[in-house]
Every structure is written in structure tokens, then in C-alpha cells.
PDB file of N, CA and C in Angstrom:
ATOM      1  N   MET A   1     -14.320  31.339  43.992  1.00  0.00           N
ATOM      2  CA  MET A   1     -13.061  32.129  44.240  1.00  0.00           C
ATOM      3  C   MET A   1     -12.529  31.818  45.628  1.00  0.00           C
ATOM      4  N   GLU A   2     -13.178  31.742  46.759  1.00  0.00           N
ATOM      5  CA  GLU A   2     -12.751  31.380  47.869  1.00  0.00           C
ATOM      6  C   GLU A   2     -12.407  30.047  48.140  1.00  0.00           C
ATOM      7  N   ARG A   3     -12.952  28.976  47.652  1.00  0.00           N
ATOM      8  CA  ARG A   3     -12.560  27.769  47.508  1.00  0.00           C
ATOM      9  C   ARG A   3     -10.951  27.683  47.013  1.00  0.00           C
ATOM     10  N   LEU A   4     -10.928  28.909  45.905  1.00  0.00           N
ATOM     11  CA  LEU A   4      -9.347  28.814  45.342  1.00  0.00           C
ATOM     12  C   LEU A   4      -8.397  29.278  46.292  1.00  0.00           C
ATOM     13  N   ARG A   5      -8.666  29.914  46.890  1.00  0.00           N
ATOM     14  CA  ARG A   5      -8.056  31.107  47.985  1.00  0.00           C
ATOM     15  C   ARG A   5      -7.700  30.200  48.959  1.00  0.00           C
ATOM     16  N   GLY A   6      -8.226  29.417  49.669  1.00  0.00           N
ATOM     17  CA  GLY A   6      -8.061  28.566  50.907  1.00  0.00           C
ATOM     18  C   GLY A   6      -7.656  29.204  52.232  1.00  0.00           C
ATOM     19  N   LYS A   7      -7.307  28.508  53.437  1.00  0.00           N
ATOM     20  CA  LYS A   7      -6.966  29.360  54.316  1.00  0.00           C
ATOM     21  C   LYS A   7      -5.708  30.127  54.486  1.00  0.00           C
ATOM     22  N   ASP A   8      -4.432  29.576  53.684  1.00  0.00           N
ATOM     23  CA  ASP A   8      -3.230  30.308  53.462  1.00  0.00           C
ATOM     24  C   ASP A   8      -3.229  31.507  52.562  1.00  0.00           C
ATOM     25  N   GLY A   9      -4.469  31.833  51.976  1.00  0.00           N
ATOM     26  CA  GLY A   9      -4.854  32.894  51.323  1.00  0.00           C
ATOM     27  C   GLY A   9      -4.351  32.559  49.664  1.00  0.00           C
ATOM     28  N   TRP A  10      -4.053  33.650  48.731  1.00  0.00           N
ATOM     29  CA  TRP A  10      -3.147  33.313  47.498  1.00  0.00           C
ATOM     30  C   TRP A  10      -2.216  33.210  47.690  1.00  0.00           C
ATOM     31  N   GLY A  11      -1.506  32.330  46.434  1.00  0.00           N
ATOM     32  CA  GLY A  11       0.106  32.156  46.353  1.00  0.00           C
ATOM     33  C   GLY A  11       0.406  30.823  46.376  1.00  0.00           C
ATOM     34  N   PRO A  12       1.713  30.005  46.212  1.00  0.00           N
ATOM     35  CA  PRO A  12       2.290  28.914  46.120  1.00  0.00           C
ATOM     36  C   PRO A  12       1.691  27.963  47.348  1.00  0.00           C
ATOM     37  N   ALA A  13       1.801  28.514  48.340  1.00  0.00           N
ATOM     38  CA  ALA A  13       1.389  27.528  49.709  1.00  0.00           C
ATOM     39  C   ALA A  13       0.166  27.157  49.502  1.00  0.00           C
ATOM     40  N   ALA A  14      -1.091  28.040  49.304  1.00  0.00           N
ATOM     41  CA  ALA A  14      -2.426  27.606  48.612  1.00  0.00           C
ATOM     42  C   ALA A  14      -2.562  26.624  47.539  1.00  0.00           C
ATOM     43  N   ALA A  15      -1.609  26.980  46.376  1.00  0.00           N
ATOM     44  CA  ALA A  15      -1.514  25.977  45.448  1.00  0.00           C
ATOM     45  C   ALA A  15      -1.120  24.679  45.666  1.00  0.00           C
ATOM     46  N   ARG A  16       0.283  24.724  46.533  1.00  0.00           N
ATOM     47  CA  ARG A  16       0.564  23.405  46.863  1.00  0.00           C
ATOM     48  C   ARG A  16      -0.776  22.673  47.724  1.00  0.00           C
ATOM     49  N   GLY A  17      -1.117  23.151  48.325  1.00  0.00           N
ATOM     50  CA  GLY A  17      -2.104  22.203  49.562  1.00  0.00           C
ATOM     51  C   GLY A  17      -3.070  21.746  48.435  1.00  0.00           C
ATOM     52  N   ALA A  18      -3.420  22.701  47.361  1.00  0.00           N
ATOM     53  CA  ALA A  18      -4.804  22.131  46.310  1.00  0.00           C
ATOM     54  C   ALA A  18      -4.113  20.995  45.554  1.00  0.00           C
ATOM     55  N   ALA A  19      -2.839  21.204  45.244  1.00  0.00           N
ATOM     56  CA  ALA A  19      -2.171  20.236  44.348  1.00  0.00           C
ATOM     57  C   ALA A  19      -1.981  18.792  45.019  1.00  0.00           C
ATOM     58  N   GLY A  20      -1.555  19.121  46.676  1.00  0.00           N
ATOM     59  CA  GLY A  20      -1.446  17.821  47.330  1.00  0.00           C
ATOM     60  C   GLY A  20      -2.926  17.034  47.093  1.00  0.00           C
ATOM     61  N   ARG A  21      -3.981  17.793  47.414  1.00  0.00           N
ATOM     62  CA  ARG A  21      -5.391  17.162  47.745  1.00  0.00           C
ATOM     63  C   ARG A  21      -5.631  16.457  46.384  1.00  0.00           C
ATOM     64  N   LEU A  22      -5.188  16.905  45.501  1.00  0.00           N
ATOM     65  CA  LEU A  22      -5.836  16.664  43.902  1.00  0.00           C
ATOM     66  C   LEU A  22      -4.912  15.102  43.838  1.00  0.00           C
ATOM     67  N   GLY A  23      -3.467  15.268  43.944  1.00  0.00           N
ATOM     68  CA  GLY A  23      -2.544  14.145  43.764  1.00  0.00           C
ATOM     69  C   GLY A  23      -2.891  13.259  44.883  1.00  0.00           C
ATOM     70  N   ASP A  24      -3.524  13.414  45.949  1.00  0.00           N
ATOM     71  CA  ASP A  24      -4.321  12.131  46.669  1.00  0.00           C
ATOM     72  C   ASP A  24      -5.357  11.793  46.426  1.00  0.00           C
ATOM     73  N   SER A  25      -6.008  12.433  45.615  1.00  0.00           N
ATOM     74  CA  SER A  25      -7.313  12.196  45.142  1.00  0.00           C
ATOM     75  C   SER A  25      -6.886  11.255  43.929  1.00  0.00           C
ATOM     76  N   VAL A  26      -5.866  11.721  43.272  1.00  0.00           N
ATOM     77  CA  VAL A  26      -5.719  10.786  41.765  1.00  0.00           C
ATOM     78  C   VAL A  26      -4.731   9.420  42.519  1.00  0.00           C
ATOM     79  N   ARG A  27      -4.198   9.479  43.148  1.00  0.00           N
ATOM     80  CA  ARG A  27      -3.790   8.377  43.554  1.00  0.00           C
ATOM     81  C   ARG A  27      -4.712   7.086  44.328  1.00  0.00           C
ATOM     82  N   GLU A  28      -5.317   7.622  44.932  1.00  0.00           N
ATOM     83  CA  GLU A  28      -6.657   6.873  45.376  1.00  0.00           C
ATOM     84  C   GLU A  28      -7.723   6.335  44.487  1.00  0.00           C
ATOM     85  N   LEU A  29      -7.665   7.206  43.639  1.00  0.00           N
ATOM     86  CA  LEU A  29      -8.336   6.527  42.505  1.00  0.00           C
ATOM     87  C   LEU A  29      -7.598   5.467  41.871  1.00  0.00           C
ATOM     88  N   MET A  30      -6.422   5.446  41.241  1.00  0.00           N
ATOM     89  CA  MET A  30      -5.628   4.782  40.715  1.00  0.00           C
ATOM     90  C   MET A  30      -5.405   3.500  41.583  1.00  0.00           C
ATOM     91  N   GLU A  31      -5.474   3.578  42.900  1.00  0.00           N
ATOM     92  CA  GLU A  31      -5.218   2.306  43.772  1.00  0.00           C
ATOM     93  C   GLU A  31      -6.473   1.813  43.536  1.00  0.00           C
ATOM     94  N   GLN A  32      -7.630   2.377  43.919  1.00  0.00           N
ATOM     95  CA  GLN A  32      -8.908   1.776  44.364  1.00  0.00           C
ATOM     96  C   GLN A  32      -9.811   1.220  42.987  1.00  0.00           C
ATOM     97  N   ARG A  33      -9.576   1.907  41.543  1.00  0.00           N
ATOM     98  CA  ARG A  33     -10.534   1.939  40.515  1.00  0.00           C
ATOM     99  C   ARG A  33      -9.685   1.294  39.502  1.00  0.00           C
ATOM    100  N   VAL A  34      -8.536   2.005  39.075  1.00  0.00           N
ATOM    101  CA  VAL A  34      -7.991   1.383  37.984  1.00  0.00           C
ATOM    102  C   VAL A  34      -7.273   0.828  37.931  1.00  0.00           C
ATOM    103  N   LEU A  35      -5.996   0.279  38.729  1.00  0.00           N
ATOM    104  CA  LEU A  35      -5.515  -0.677  38.969  1.00  0.00           C
ATOM    105  C   LEU A  35      -5.781  -2.339  39.116  1.00  0.00           C
ATOM    106  N   PRO A  36      -7.090  -2.057  40.096  1.00  0.00           N
ATOM    107  CA  PRO A  36      -7.662  -3.566  40.214  1.00  0.00           C
ATOM    108  C   PRO A  36      -8.260  -3.845  38.891  1.00  0.00           C
ATOM    109  N   ALA A  37      -8.707  -2.745  38.032  1.00  0.00           N
ATOM    110  CA  ALA A  37      -9.533  -3.077  36.733  1.00  0.00           C
ATOM    111  C   ALA A  37      -8.671  -3.446  35.824  1.00  0.00           C
ATOM    112  N   CYS A  38      -7.458  -3.018  36.092  1.00  0.00           N
ATOM    113  CA  CYS A  38      -6.503  -3.496  35.110  1.00  0.00           C
ATOM    114  C   CYS A  38      -5.949  -4.909  35.409  1.00  0.00           C
ATOM    115  N   GLU A  39      -5.698  -4.971  36.919  1.00  0.00           N
ATOM    116  CA  GLU A  39      -5.154  -6.612  37.046  1.00  0.00           C
ATOM    117  C   GLU A  39      -6.206  -7.744  36.773  1.00  0.00           C
ATOM    118  N   ARG A  40      -7.816  -7.214  36.685  1.00  0.00           N
ATOM    119  CA  ARG A  40      -8.482  -7.936  36.184  1.00  0.00           C
ATOM    120  C   ARG A  40      -8.557  -8.437  34.593  1.00  0.00           C
ATOM    121  N   TYR A  41      -8.253  -7.415  33.993  1.00  0.00           N
ATOM    122  CA  TYR A  41      -8.409  -7.604  32.475  1.00  0.00           C
ATOM    123  C   TYR A  41      -7.177  -8.354  32.340  1.00  0.00           C
ATOM    124  N   GLU A  42      -5.790  -8.127  32.828  1.00  0.00           N
ATOM    125  CA  GLU A  42      -4.834  -8.646  32.505  1.00  0.00           C
ATOM    126  C   GLU A  42      -5.275 -10.557  32.557  1.00  0.00           C
ATOM    127  N   ARG A  43      -5.942 -10.717  33.961  1.00  0.00           N
ATOM    128  CA  ARG A  43      -6.037 -11.867  34.280  1.00  0.00           C
ATOM    129  C   ARG A  43      -6.966 -12.677  32.826  1.00  0.00           C
ATOM    130  N   LEU A  44      -7.896 -11.826  32.186  1.00  0.00           N
ATOM    131  CA  LEU A  44      -8.393 -12.089  31.573  1.00  0.00           C
ATOM    132  C   LEU A  44      -8.248 -12.513  30.306  1.00  0.00           C
ATOM    133  N   VAL A  45      -7.042 -11.512  29.787  1.00  0.00           N
ATOM    134  CA  VAL A  45      -6.102 -11.644  28.511  1.00  0.00           C
ATOM    135  C   VAL A  45      -5.081 -12.974  28.626  1.00  0.00           C
ATOM    136  N   GLU A  46      -4.786 -13.224  29.894  1.00  0.00           N
ATOM    137  CA  GLU A  46      -3.704 -14.299  30.223  1.00  0.00           C
ATOM    138  C   GLU A  46      -4.654 -15.273  29.770  1.00  0.00           C
ATOM    139  N   ALA A  47      -5.346 -15.832  30.226  1.00  0.00           N
ATOM    140  CA  ALA A  47      -6.548 -16.842  29.984  1.00  0.00           C
ATOM    141  C   ALA A  47      -7.066 -17.130  28.739  1.00  0.00           C
ATOM    142  N   TRP A  48      -7.097 -15.826  28.185  1.00  0.00           N
ATOM    143  CA  TRP A  48      -7.471 -15.879  26.488  1.00  0.00           C
ATOM    144  C   TRP A  48      -6.315 -16.473  25.867  1.00  0.00           C
ATOM    145  N   GLU A  49      -5.084 -16.211  26.242  1.00  0.00           N
ATOM    146  CA  GLU A  49      -4.039 -16.193  25.715  1.00  0.00           C
ATOM    147  C   GLU A  49      -3.641 -17.854  25.465  1.00  0.00           C
ATOM    148  N   ALA A  50      -3.970 -18.351  26.826  1.00  0.00           N
ATOM    149  CA  ALA A  50      -3.917 -19.580  27.137  1.00  0.00           C
ATOM    150  C   ALA A  50      -4.638 -20.767  26.759  1.00  0.00           C
ATOM    151  N   LEU A  51      -5.710 -20.119  26.226  1.00  0.00           N
ATOM    152  CA  LEU A  51      -6.804 -20.828  25.827  1.00  0.00           C
ATOM    153  C   LEU A  51      -6.764 -20.850  24.017  1.00  0.00           C
ATOM    154  N   VAL A  52      -6.906 -19.850  23.858  1.00  0.00           N
ATOM    155  CA  VAL A  52      -6.823 -19.652  21.992  1.00  0.00           C
ATOM    156  C   VAL A  52      -5.256 -19.541  21.278  1.00  0.00           C
ATOM    157  N   PRO A  53      -5.251 -21.060  20.555  1.00  0.00           N
ATOM    158  CA  PRO A  53      -4.071 -21.106  19.646  1.00  0.00           C
ATOM    159  C   PRO A  53      -3.399 -19.817  19.000  1.00  0.00           C
ATOM    160  N   ALA A  54      -2.678 -19.551  18.751  1.00  0.00           N
ATOM    161  CA  ALA A  54      -1.761 -18.262  18.697  1.00  0.00           C
ATOM    162  C   ALA A  54      -1.977 -18.534  17.145  1.00  0.00           C
ATOM    163  N   ASP A  55      -2.358 -19.240  16.415  1.00  0.00           N
ATOM    164  CA  ASP A  55      -2.706 -19.135  14.974  1.00  0.00           C
ATOM    165  C   ASP A  55      -3.938 -18.260  14.815  1.00  0.00           C
ATOM    166  N   ILE A  56      -4.720 -18.445  15.609  1.00  0.00           N
ATOM    167  CA  ILE A  56      -6.268 -17.732  15.829  1.00  0.00           C
ATOM    168  C   ILE A  56      -6.098 -16.728  16.533  1.00  0.00           C
ATOM    169  N   ARG A  57      -5.540 -16.686  17.393  1.00  0.00           N
ATOM    170  CA  ARG A  57      -5.380 -15.329  18.182  1.00  0.00           C
ATOM    171  C   ARG A  57      -4.913 -14.170  17.253  1.00  0.00           C
ATOM    172  N   GLU A  58      -4.102 -14.399  15.967  1.00  0.00           N
ATOM    173  CA  GLU A  58      -3.639 -13.446  15.347  1.00  0.00           C
ATOM    174  C   GLU A  58      -4.840 -12.839  14.223  1.00  0.00           C
ATOM    175  N   HIS A  59      -5.997 -13.651  14.566  1.00  0.00           N
ATOM    176  CA  HIS A  59      -7.234 -13.045  13.816  1.00  0.00           C
ATOM    177  C   HIS A  59      -8.125 -12.460  14.416  1.00  0.00           C
ATOM    178  N   VAL A  60      -8.127 -13.057  15.969  1.00  0.00           N
ATOM    179  CA  VAL A  60      -9.439 -12.541  16.816  1.00  0.00           C
ATOM    180  C   VAL A  60      -8.666 -11.325  17.768  1.00  0.00           C
ATOM    181  N   ARG A  61      -9.627 -10.724  18.133  1.00  0.00           N
ATOM    182  CA  ARG A  61      -9.231  -9.652  19.659  1.00  0.00           C
ATOM    183  C   ARG A  61     -10.586  -9.708  20.353  1.00  0.00           C
ATOM    184  N   ILE A  62     -10.192  -9.449  21.620  1.00  0.00           N
ATOM    185  CA  ILE A  62     -11.081  -9.153  22.795  1.00  0.00           C
ATOM    186  C   ILE A  62     -11.451  -7.833  22.499  1.00  0.00           C
ATOM    187  N   GLY A  63     -12.907  -7.336  22.404  1.00  0.00           N
ATOM    188  CA  GLY A  63     -13.494  -6.170  22.062  1.00  0.00           C
ATOM    189  C   GLY A  63     -13.824  -5.606  23.402  1.00  0.00           C
ATOM    190  N   GLU A  64     -15.091  -5.946  23.980  1.00  0.00           N
ATOM    191  CA  GLU A  64     -15.392  -5.248  25.618  1.00  0.00           C
ATOM    192  C   GLU A  64     -16.193  -6.025  26.027  1.00  0.00           C
ATOM    193  N   TRP A  65     -16.488  -5.641  27.019  1.00  0.00           N
ATOM    194  CA  TRP A  65     -17.261  -6.413  28.042  1.00  0.00           C
ATOM    195  C   TRP A  65     -18.082  -5.470  28.643  1.00  0.00           C
ATOM    196  N   VAL A  66     -19.708  -6.274  28.325  1.00  0.00           N
ATOM    197  CA  VAL A  66     -20.707  -5.511  28.760  1.00  0.00           C
ATOM    198  C   VAL A  66     -21.717  -6.209  29.298  1.00  0.00           C
ATOM    199  N   ASP A  67     -22.216  -5.967  30.598  1.00  0.00           N
ATOM    200  CA  ASP A  67     -23.343  -6.631  31.560  1.00  0.00           C
ATOM    201  C   ASP A  67     -22.800  -8.656  31.099  1.00  0.00           C
ATOM    202  N   GLY A  68     -22.058  -8.428  31.585  1.00  0.00           N
ATOM    203  CA  GLY A  68     -21.552 -10.239  31.600  1.00  0.00           C
ATOM    204  C   GLY A  68     -21.232 -11.092  30.009  1.00  0.00           C
ATOM    205  N   GLU A  69     -21.381 -10.010  29.281  1.00  0.00           N
ATOM    206  CA  GLU A  69     -21.422 -10.234  27.761  1.00  0.00           C
ATOM    207  C   GLU A  69     -19.728  -9.983  27.157  1.00  0.00           C
ATOM    208  N   LEU A  70     -18.764 -11.194  26.717  1.00  0.00           N
ATOM    209  CA  LEU A  70     -17.673 -10.720  26.050  1.00  0.00           C
ATOM    210  C   LEU A  70     -17.781 -10.741  24.496  1.00  0.00           C
ATOM    211  N   LYS A  71     -17.518  -9.235  23.802  1.00  0.00           N
ATOM    212  CA  LYS A  71     -17.448  -9.252  22.614  1.00  0.00           C
ATOM    213  C   LYS A  71     -16.183  -9.286  22.118  1.00  0.00           C
ATOM    214  N   VAL A  72     -16.014 -10.436  20.972  1.00  0.00           N
ATOM    215  CA  VAL A  72     -14.839 -10.668  20.493  1.00  0.00           C
ATOM    216  C   VAL A  72     -15.019 -10.347  19.060  1.00  0.00           C
ATOM    217  N   PHE A  73     -13.965  -9.670  18.256  1.00  0.00           N
ATOM    218  CA  PHE A  73     -14.120  -9.538  17.011  1.00  0.00           C
ATOM    219  C   PHE A  73     -12.865 -10.208  16.468  1.00  0.00           C
ATOM    220  N   ALA A  74     -13.068 -10.627  15.021  1.00  0.00           N
ATOM    221  CA  ALA A  74     -12.641 -11.658  14.078  1.00  0.00           C
ATOM    222  C   ALA A  74     -12.309 -10.731  12.761  1.00  0.00           C
ATOM    223  N   ASP A  75     -11.251 -10.984  12.015  1.00  0.00           N
ATOM    224  CA  ASP A  75     -10.989 -10.330  10.789  1.00  0.00           C
ATOM    225  C   ASP A  75     -11.777 -10.815   9.580  1.00  0.00           C
ATOM    226  N   SER A  76     -12.469 -12.100   9.908  1.00  0.00           N
ATOM    227  CA  SER A  76     -13.325 -12.615   8.776  1.00  0.00           C
ATOM    228  C   SER A  76     -14.273 -13.507   9.370  1.00  0.00           C
ATOM    229  N   PRO A  77     -15.369 -13.550   8.566  1.00  0.00           N
ATOM    230  CA  PRO A  77     -16.469 -14.637   9.126  1.00  0.00           C
ATOM    231  C   PRO A  77     -15.778 -15.845   9.140  1.00  0.00           C
ATOM    232  N   SER A  78     -14.776 -16.582   8.548  1.00  0.00           N
ATOM    233  CA  SER A  78     -14.420 -17.567   8.744  1.00  0.00           C
ATOM    234  C   SER A  78     -13.736 -17.829  10.166  1.00  0.00           C
ATOM    235  N   TYR A  79     -13.222 -16.975  10.835  1.00  0.00           N
ATOM    236  CA  TYR A  79     -12.609 -16.927  12.335  1.00  0.00           C
ATOM    237  C   TYR A  79     -13.906 -16.692  13.044  1.00  0.00           C
ATOM    238  N   VAL A  80     -14.928 -16.291  12.899  1.00  0.00           N
ATOM    239  CA  VAL A  80     -15.817 -16.258  13.714  1.00  0.00           C
ATOM    240  C   VAL A  80     -16.316 -17.330  13.481  1.00  0.00           C
ATOM    241  N   TYR A  81     -16.891 -18.088  13.055  1.00  0.00           N
ATOM    242  CA  TYR A  81     -17.347 -19.499  12.714  1.00  0.00           C
ATOM    243  C   TYR A  81     -16.518 -20.682  13.433  1.00  0.00           C
ATOM    244  N   GLU A  82     -15.068 -20.436  13.459  1.00  0.00           N
ATOM    245  CA  GLU A  82     -14.196 -21.131  14.147  1.00  0.00           C
ATOM    246  C   GLU A  82     -14.371 -21.039  15.540  1.00  0.00           C
ATOM    247  N   MET A  83     -14.364 -19.780  16.103  1.00  0.00           N
ATOM    248  CA  MET A  83     -14.480 -19.383  17.242  1.00  0.00           C
ATOM    249  C   MET A  83     -15.778 -20.073  17.696  1.00  0.00           C
ATOM    250  N   GLN A  84     -17.010 -19.731  17.213  1.00  0.00           N
ATOM    251  CA  GLN A  84     -18.347 -20.271  17.407  1.00  0.00           C
ATOM    252  C   GLN A  84     -17.998 -21.635  17.710  1.00  0.00           C
ATOM    253  N   LEU A  85     -17.598 -22.448  17.107  1.00  0.00           N
ATOM    254  CA  LEU A  85     -17.381 -24.177  17.367  1.00  0.00           C
ATOM    255  C   LEU A  85     -16.960 -24.587  18.546  1.00  0.00           C
ATOM    256  N   CYS A  86     -16.046 -23.183  19.257  1.00  0.00           N
ATOM    257  CA  CYS A  86     -15.351 -23.632  20.325  1.00  0.00           C
ATOM    258  C   CYS A  86     -16.075 -22.673  21.500  1.00  0.00           C
ATOM    259  N   SER A  87     -17.165 -21.983  21.360  1.00  0.00           N
ATOM    260  CA  SER A  87     -17.587 -21.161  22.076  1.00  0.00           C
ATOM    261  C   SER A  87     -17.861 -21.463  23.678  1.00  0.00           C
ATOM    262  N   SER A  88     -18.655 -22.936  23.457  1.00  0.00           N
ATOM    263  CA  SER A  88     -19.277 -23.474  24.662  1.00  0.00           C
ATOM    264  C   SER A  88     -17.946 -23.461  25.750  1.00  0.00           C
ATOM    265  N   GLU A  89     -16.993 -24.258  25.196  1.00  0.00           N
ATOM    266  CA  GLU A  89     -15.834 -24.741  25.709  1.00  0.00           C
ATOM    267  C   GLU A  89     -15.080 -23.617  26.591  1.00  0.00           C
ATOM    268  N   LEU A  90     -14.907 -22.710  25.755  1.00  0.00           N
ATOM    269  CA  LEU A  90     -14.086 -21.361  25.896  1.00  0.00           C
ATOM    270  C   LEU A  90     -14.939 -20.641  26.891  1.00  0.00           C
ATOM    271  N   LEU A  91     -16.149 -20.299  26.926  1.00  0.00           N
ATOM    272  CA  LEU A  91     -16.935 -19.711  27.724  1.00  0.00           C
ATOM    273  C   LEU A  91     -16.542 -20.226  29.428  1.00  0.00           C
ATOM    274  N   GLU A  92     -16.848 -21.709  29.391  1.00  0.00           N
ATOM    275  CA  GLU A  92     -16.974 -22.473  30.516  1.00  0.00           C
ATOM    276  C   GLU A  92     -15.001 -22.199  31.152  1.00  0.00           C
ATOM    277  N   GLU A  93     -14.344 -22.515  30.013  1.00  0.00           N
ATOM    278  CA  GLU A  93     -12.689 -22.155  30.775  1.00  0.00           C
ATOM    279  C   GLU A  93     -12.755 -20.919  31.385  1.00  0.00           C
ATOM    280  N   LEU A  94     -13.203 -19.967  30.277  1.00  0.00           N
ATOM    281  CA  LEU A  94     -12.916 -18.246  31.249  1.00  0.00           C
ATOM    282  C   LEU A  94     -13.493 -17.927  32.374  1.00  0.00           C
ATOM    283  N   ARG A  95     -14.554 -18.625  32.658  1.00  0.00           N
ATOM    284  CA  ARG A  95     -15.412 -18.644  33.919  1.00  0.00           C
ATOM    285  C   ARG A  95     -14.552 -19.184  34.902  1.00  0.00           C
ATOM    286  N   ARG A  96     -14.330 -20.310  34.415  1.00  0.00           N
ATOM    287  CA  ARG A  96     -13.381 -20.829  35.635  1.00  0.00           C
ATOM    288  C   ARG A  96     -11.810 -20.218  35.830  1.00  0.00           C
ATOM    289  N   ARG A  97     -11.571 -19.993  35.004  1.00  0.00           N
ATOM    290  CA  ARG A  97     -10.582 -18.725  35.126  1.00  0.00           C
ATOM    291  C   ARG A  97     -10.472 -17.662  35.833  1.00  0.00           C
ATOM    292  N   CYS A  98     -11.694 -17.035  35.369  1.00  0.00           N
ATOM    293  CA  CYS A  98     -11.688 -15.679  35.761  1.00  0.00           C
ATOM    294  C   CYS A  98     -13.246 -15.501  36.173  1.00  0.00           C
ATOM    295  N   PRO A  99     -13.361 -15.917  37.538  1.00  0.00           N
ATOM    296  CA  PRO A  99     -14.785 -15.567  38.144  1.00  0.00           C
ATOM    297  C   PRO A  99     -15.395 -14.818  38.599  1.00  0.00           C
ATOM    298  N   GLY A 100     -14.306 -13.287  38.415  1.00  0.00           N
ATOM    299  CA  GLY A 100     -14.566 -11.923  38.932  1.00  0.00           C
ATOM    300  C   GLY A 100     -15.169 -11.348  37.910  1.00  0.00           C
ATOM    301  N   TRP A 101     -15.272 -12.317  36.280  1.00  0.00           N
ATOM    302  CA  TRP A 101     -15.812 -11.276  35.436  1.00  0.00           C
ATOM    303  C   TRP A 101     -17.300 -11.867  35.037  1.00  0.00           C
ATOM    304  N   ARG A 102     -17.881 -12.916  35.749  1.00  0.00           N
ATOM    305  CA  ARG A 102     -19.018 -12.901  35.902  1.00  0.00           C
ATOM    306  C   ARG A 102     -19.873 -13.167  34.287  1.00  0.00           C
ATOM    307  N   LEU A 103     -18.803 -13.804  33.398  1.00  0.00           N
ATOM    308  CA  LEU A 103     -19.642 -14.113  32.302  1.00  0.00           C
ATOM    309  C   LEU A 103     -20.439 -14.790  31.756  1.00  0.00           C
ATOM    310  N   ARG A 104     -21.727 -14.376  31.260  1.00  0.00           N
ATOM    311  CA  ARG A 104     -22.766 -15.054  30.624  1.00  0.00           C
ATOM    312  C   ARG A 104     -22.608 -15.502  29.542  1.00  0.00           C
ATOM    313  N   SER A 105     -21.696 -15.001  28.390  1.00  0.00           N
ATOM    314  CA  SER A 105     -21.930 -15.144  27.250  1.00  0.00           C
ATOM    315  C   SER A 105     -20.516 -14.637  26.318  1.00  0.00           C
ATOM    316  N   ILE A 106     -20.085 -15.237  25.386  1.00  0.00           N
ATOM    317  CA  ILE A 106     -19.163 -14.660  24.251  1.00  0.00           C
ATOM    318  C   ILE A 106     -20.188 -14.786  22.995  1.00  0.00           C
ATOM    319  N   ARG A 107     -20.052 -13.454  22.504  1.00  0.00           N
ATOM    320  CA  ARG A 107     -20.214 -12.993  20.930  1.00  0.00           C
ATOM    321  C   ARG A 107     -19.261 -12.705  20.168  1.00  0.00           C
ATOM    322  N   PHE A 108     -19.523 -13.341  18.632  1.00  0.00           N
ATOM    323  CA  PHE A 108     -17.947 -13.063  17.920  1.00  0.00           C
ATOM    324  C   PHE A 108     -18.587 -12.026  16.698  1.00  0.00           C
ATOM    325  N   PHE A 109     -18.065 -11.334  16.176  1.00  0.00           N
ATOM    326  CA  PHE A 109     -18.369 -10.289  15.403  1.00  0.00           C
ATOM    327  C   PHE A 109     -17.159 -10.470  14.235  1.00  0.00           C
ATOM    328  N   SER A 110     -17.924 -10.097  13.005  1.00  0.00           N
ATOM    329  CA  SER A 110     -17.061  -9.940  12.016  1.00  0.00           C
ATOM    330  C   SER A 110     -16.092  -8.647  11.495  1.00  0.00           C
ATOM    331  N   GLU A 111     -14.903  -8.191  11.544  1.00  0.00           N
ATOM    332  CA  GLU A 111     -15.154  -6.924  11.202  1.00  0.00           C
ATOM    333  C   GLU A 111     -14.255  -7.156   9.804  1.00  0.00           C
ATOM    334  N   GLY A 112     -14.129  -8.266   8.836  1.00  0.00           N
ATOM    335  CA  GLY A 112     -14.054  -7.992   7.257  1.00  0.00           C
ATOM    336  C   GLY A 112     -15.226  -8.546   6.374  1.00  0.00           C
TER     337      GLY A 112
END
């Protein structure tokens, strides 16, 4: 309870001080962690869209990135196969365009 009370005691002034500190913390988190991660992801998506033809992109999506592995999901096994055929070139080009991602591999999964 003492932490909530603050030096100004109870009331609006104390609440404004706590809210201001919380707001500063949230802003710092956004600027230092969230926005840079979004910008990195945006670069990956832009590279993906430039490399994968539109007619194939309609059937595949980037899933997640874990420990250097990019997981890609396709709506049918035939698109998984098609993506696997070009996976070496795709991985090489994604590494070149997005060096901060440190991609080791791409794995394709069928959702259909």
C-alpha cells in the first residue's frame, strides 16, 4: 500500500505520478522492443512478397520464426512441394535481404 501512496499521499496527484511513470515505461518498451521487432518483420514480409510470386503467395503464409528457422504454412501439400523446390534459392535470398534474422532454414507445412 505504501508504494501506491507515494510521496504525494493519496489522491489524483499520486495517481498522475504513477500513471506518468507507467506511460514512460510503456513508451520505452514500445520504442526499444516492439517497434524494432515490427520493422524487422516488415522487412522480412517485403522480401517474401518480392520473392514469392503472387499466385503462390495466395496459398502460403509465413508462420513463425524460431531459433533461425522460418516456418511457412501452405494450404495444400502441392504448394509445400512447390515451395520446397525453390527453398534453397529462397533461403539464400532472404538471408541476403534480411541479415538480422539469421535464418538457418525454412520448413514448409501443409494446413490442408
